[in-house]
Amino acid sequence: MATKDAGVYEQLKNTLFNNADSAIIGESAAVGMGLVMIGSADESAIEEMMSHAADSNHEKIIRALGISLSLIMYARES
């Protein structure tokens, strides 16, 4: 959590993208992505999550990506 480790983030992202048909796996991977990048305000991560949320049909994944986006922006008032 809060490591901003690109390797861990990429593994979670690949898990999310490769399991698009499983809402539970996708939800878990999405929340994990947010926890790894918490407080980073990483623009590429935000863009990837927004894009995947727009393309996803699973409400659980969309909700988890929304939570992850809020975690990425944690403590970033501006």
N, C-alpha and C. Protein backbone atom coordinates (compact mmCIF):
# COMPACT_ATOMS: atom_id res chain seq x y z
N MET A 1 0.83 -1.18 0.00
CA MET A 1 0.00 0.00 0.00
C MET A 1 0.88 1.24 0.00
N ALA A 2 0.52 2.19 -0.85
CA ALA A 2 1.21 3.48 -0.96
C ALA A 2 2.67 3.36 -1.37
N THR A 3 3.03 2.27 -2.04
CA THR A 3 4.43 2.11 -2.46
C THR A 3 4.71 2.78 -3.80
N LYS A 4 3.67 2.97 -4.60
CA LYS A 4 3.81 3.52 -5.95
C LYS A 4 4.74 2.66 -6.81
N ASP A 5 4.78 1.38 -6.50
CA ASP A 5 5.62 0.41 -7.21
C ASP A 5 5.00 0.12 -8.58
N ALA A 6 5.70 0.51 -9.64
CA ALA A 6 5.18 0.36 -11.00
C ALA A 6 5.00 -1.11 -11.36
N GLY A 7 5.86 -1.98 -10.88
CA GLY A 7 5.75 -3.40 -11.18
C GLY A 7 4.48 -4.02 -10.62
N VAL A 8 4.19 -3.71 -9.37
CA VAL A 8 2.98 -4.23 -8.73
C VAL A 8 1.75 -3.65 -9.41
N TYR A 9 1.81 -2.35 -9.70
CA TYR A 9 0.69 -1.70 -10.37
C TYR A 9 0.42 -2.36 -11.73
N GLU A 10 1.45 -2.63 -12.50
CA GLU A 10 1.30 -3.25 -13.82
C GLU A 10 0.72 -4.66 -13.71
N GLN A 11 1.14 -5.42 -12.71
CA GLN A 11 0.58 -6.76 -12.51
C GLN A 11 -0.91 -6.69 -12.21
N LEU A 12 -1.29 -5.76 -11.35
CA LEU A 12 -2.71 -5.60 -11.03
C LEU A 12 -3.49 -5.12 -12.24
N LYS A 13 -2.92 -4.20 -13.00
CA LYS A 13 -3.58 -3.70 -14.21
C LYS A 13 -3.77 -4.83 -15.22
N ASN A 14 -2.75 -5.65 -15.41
CA ASN A 14 -2.87 -6.78 -16.33
C ASN A 14 -3.93 -7.77 -15.85
N THR A 15 -4.01 -7.98 -14.55
CA THR A 15 -5.04 -8.85 -14.00
C THR A 15 -6.43 -8.28 -14.29
N LEU A 16 -6.58 -6.99 -14.13
CA LEU A 16 -7.86 -6.33 -14.41
C LEU A 16 -8.22 -6.46 -15.88
N PHE A 17 -7.28 -6.15 -16.76
CA PHE A 17 -7.56 -6.16 -18.20
C PHE A 17 -7.76 -7.57 -18.74
N ASN A 18 -7.04 -8.55 -18.21
CA ASN A 18 -7.11 -9.91 -18.73
C ASN A 18 -8.29 -10.70 -18.19
N ASN A 19 -8.97 -10.17 -17.18
CA ASN A 19 -10.12 -10.86 -16.59
C ASN A 19 -11.37 -9.99 -16.68
N ALA A 20 -11.60 -9.44 -17.87
CA ALA A 20 -12.71 -8.51 -18.06
C ALA A 20 -14.07 -9.18 -17.85
N ASP A 21 -14.13 -10.50 -17.95
CA ASP A 21 -15.40 -11.20 -17.78
C ASP A 21 -15.71 -11.54 -16.32
N SER A 22 -14.77 -11.34 -15.42
CA SER A 22 -14.98 -11.64 -14.01
C SER A 22 -15.04 -10.35 -13.20
N ALA A 23 -16.23 -10.02 -12.71
CA ALA A 23 -16.40 -8.78 -11.95
C ALA A 23 -15.66 -8.83 -10.61
N ILE A 24 -15.59 -9.99 -9.99
CA ILE A 24 -14.95 -10.10 -8.68
C ILE A 24 -13.44 -9.92 -8.79
N ILE A 25 -12.83 -10.58 -9.76
CA ILE A 25 -11.38 -10.42 -9.96
C ILE A 25 -11.07 -8.98 -10.36
N GLY A 26 -11.87 -8.42 -11.26
CA GLY A 26 -11.65 -7.04 -11.69
C GLY A 26 -11.81 -6.04 -10.57
N GLU A 27 -12.81 -6.26 -9.73
CA GLU A 27 -13.03 -5.36 -8.60
C GLU A 27 -11.84 -5.38 -7.64
N SER A 28 -11.36 -6.56 -7.34
CA SER A 28 -10.22 -6.70 -6.44
C SER A 28 -8.96 -6.07 -7.02
N ALA A 29 -8.71 -6.30 -8.30
CA ALA A 29 -7.52 -5.73 -8.94
C ALA A 29 -7.61 -4.21 -8.99
N ALA A 30 -8.80 -3.69 -9.26
CA ALA A 30 -8.97 -2.23 -9.34
C ALA A 30 -8.71 -1.56 -7.99
N VAL A 31 -9.24 -2.14 -6.93
CA VAL A 31 -9.00 -1.57 -5.60
C VAL A 31 -7.52 -1.68 -5.25
N GLY A 32 -6.90 -2.78 -5.59
CA GLY A 32 -5.47 -2.95 -5.35
C GLY A 32 -4.65 -1.90 -6.07
N MET A 33 -5.04 -1.57 -7.30
CA MET A 33 -4.33 -0.54 -8.06
C MET A 33 -4.38 0.80 -7.32
N GLY A 34 -5.55 1.13 -6.80
CA GLY A 34 -5.70 2.38 -6.06
C GLY A 34 -4.89 2.39 -4.78
N LEU A 35 -4.85 1.26 -4.09
CA LEU A 35 -4.10 1.19 -2.84
C LEU A 35 -2.59 1.29 -3.08
N VAL A 36 -2.12 0.70 -4.16
CA VAL A 36 -0.69 0.79 -4.47
C VAL A 36 -0.30 2.23 -4.82
N MET A 37 -1.17 2.93 -5.54
CA MET A 37 -0.86 4.28 -6.03
C MET A 37 -1.47 5.39 -5.17
N ILE A 38 -1.90 5.07 -3.97
CA ILE A 38 -2.59 6.05 -3.12
C ILE A 38 -1.77 7.34 -2.96
N GLY A 39 -2.44 8.46 -3.20
CA GLY A 39 -1.81 9.77 -3.02
C GLY A 39 -0.82 10.17 -4.09
N SER A 40 -0.70 9.41 -5.17
CA SER A 40 0.33 9.71 -6.17
C SER A 40 -0.10 10.72 -7.22
N ALA A 41 -1.39 10.84 -7.48
CA ALA A 41 -1.93 11.69 -8.55
C ALA A 41 -1.27 11.38 -9.89
N ASP A 42 -0.97 10.12 -10.13
CA ASP A 42 -0.31 9.68 -11.36
C ASP A 42 -1.27 9.81 -12.54
N GLU A 43 -0.91 10.66 -13.50
CA GLU A 43 -1.80 10.96 -14.61
C GLU A 43 -2.04 9.76 -15.52
N SER A 44 -1.02 8.95 -15.76
CA SER A 44 -1.22 7.79 -16.63
C SER A 44 -2.14 6.77 -15.97
N ALA A 45 -2.01 6.57 -14.67
CA ALA A 45 -2.88 5.65 -13.96
C ALA A 45 -4.33 6.15 -13.99
N ILE A 46 -4.51 7.44 -13.81
CA ILE A 46 -5.85 8.03 -13.85
C ILE A 46 -6.47 7.83 -15.23
N GLU A 47 -5.69 8.09 -16.26
CA GLU A 47 -6.19 7.94 -17.63
C GLU A 47 -6.56 6.48 -17.94
N GLU A 48 -5.71 5.54 -17.51
CA GLU A 48 -6.00 4.12 -17.74
C GLU A 48 -7.27 3.69 -17.02
N MET A 49 -7.43 4.14 -15.78
CA MET A 49 -8.61 3.75 -15.01
C MET A 49 -9.88 4.36 -15.58
N MET A 50 -9.81 5.62 -15.98
CA MET A 50 -10.98 6.28 -16.58
C MET A 50 -11.39 5.59 -17.87
N SER A 51 -10.41 5.24 -18.68
CA SER A 51 -10.68 4.58 -19.94
C SER A 51 -11.31 3.21 -19.73
N HIS A 52 -10.76 2.45 -18.78
CA HIS A 52 -11.30 1.11 -18.53
C HIS A 52 -12.69 1.19 -17.91
N ALA A 53 -12.92 2.16 -17.06
CA ALA A 53 -14.26 2.31 -16.46
C ALA A 53 -15.29 2.63 -17.54
N ALA A 54 -14.91 3.43 -18.52
CA ALA A 54 -15.84 3.77 -19.60
C ALA A 54 -16.13 2.55 -20.49
N ASP A 55 -15.18 1.63 -20.60
CA ASP A 55 -15.34 0.46 -21.46
C ASP A 55 -15.97 -0.73 -20.75
N SER A 56 -16.00 -0.72 -19.44
CA SER A 56 -16.46 -1.88 -18.68
C SER A 56 -17.98 -1.96 -18.62
N ASN A 57 -18.48 -3.19 -18.60
CA ASN A 57 -19.91 -3.43 -18.45
C ASN A 57 -20.29 -3.84 -17.04
N HIS A 58 -19.29 -4.06 -16.19
CA HIS A 58 -19.54 -4.55 -14.83
C HIS A 58 -19.60 -3.38 -13.85
N GLU A 59 -20.72 -3.27 -13.16
CA GLU A 59 -20.90 -2.19 -12.20
C GLU A 59 -19.88 -2.27 -11.06
N LYS A 60 -19.55 -3.48 -10.63
CA LYS A 60 -18.57 -3.65 -9.55
C LYS A 60 -17.20 -3.10 -9.95
N ILE A 61 -16.79 -3.35 -11.18
CA ILE A 61 -15.49 -2.86 -11.66
C ILE A 61 -15.52 -1.34 -11.77
N ILE A 62 -16.59 -0.80 -12.31
CA ILE A 62 -16.71 0.66 -12.44
C ILE A 62 -16.65 1.32 -11.07
N ARG A 63 -17.36 0.77 -10.11
CA ARG A 63 -17.36 1.32 -8.75
C ARG A 63 -15.98 1.22 -8.12
N ALA A 64 -15.31 0.08 -8.29
CA ALA A 64 -13.97 -0.10 -7.72
C ALA A 64 -12.97 0.86 -8.37
N LEU A 65 -13.10 1.10 -9.66
CA LEU A 65 -12.21 2.05 -10.32
C LEU A 65 -12.47 3.47 -9.81
N GLY A 66 -13.71 3.80 -9.53
CA GLY A 66 -14.03 5.11 -8.95
C GLY A 66 -13.40 5.28 -7.58
N ILE A 67 -13.46 4.25 -6.77
CA ILE A 67 -12.81 4.29 -5.45
C ILE A 67 -11.30 4.42 -5.62
N SER A 68 -10.75 3.69 -6.57
CA SER A 68 -9.30 3.75 -6.82
C SER A 68 -8.87 5.14 -7.28
N LEU A 69 -9.69 5.76 -8.10
CA LEU A 69 -9.37 7.13 -8.53
C LEU A 69 -9.35 8.09 -7.34
N SER A 70 -10.29 7.91 -6.43
CA SER A 70 -10.30 8.77 -5.24
C SER A 70 -9.08 8.49 -4.35
N LEU A 71 -8.65 7.23 -4.29
CA LEU A 71 -7.45 6.91 -3.52
C LEU A 71 -6.20 7.53 -4.15
N ILE A 72 -6.13 7.51 -5.46
CA ILE A 72 -4.97 8.11 -6.15
C ILE A 72 -4.90 9.60 -5.86
N MET A 73 -6.03 10.25 -5.73
CA MET A 73 -6.05 11.69 -5.47
C MET A 73 -6.08 12.04 -3.99
N TYR A 74 -5.94 11.04 -3.14
CA TYR A 74 -5.95 11.27 -1.69
C TYR A 74 -4.87 12.28 -1.29
N ALA A 75 -5.26 13.26 -0.49
CA ALA A 75 -4.37 14.31 0.04
C ALA A 75 -3.80 15.21 -1.05
N ARG A 76 -4.47 15.29 -2.19
CA ARG A 76 -4.07 16.18 -3.27
C ARG A 76 -5.17 17.20 -3.46
N GLU A 77 -5.16 18.24 -2.67
CA GLU A 77 -6.23 19.22 -2.68
C GLU A 77 -6.34 19.98 -3.99
N SER A 78 -5.22 20.18 -4.65
CA SER A 78 -5.28 20.93 -5.92
C SER A 78 -5.50 19.97 -7.05
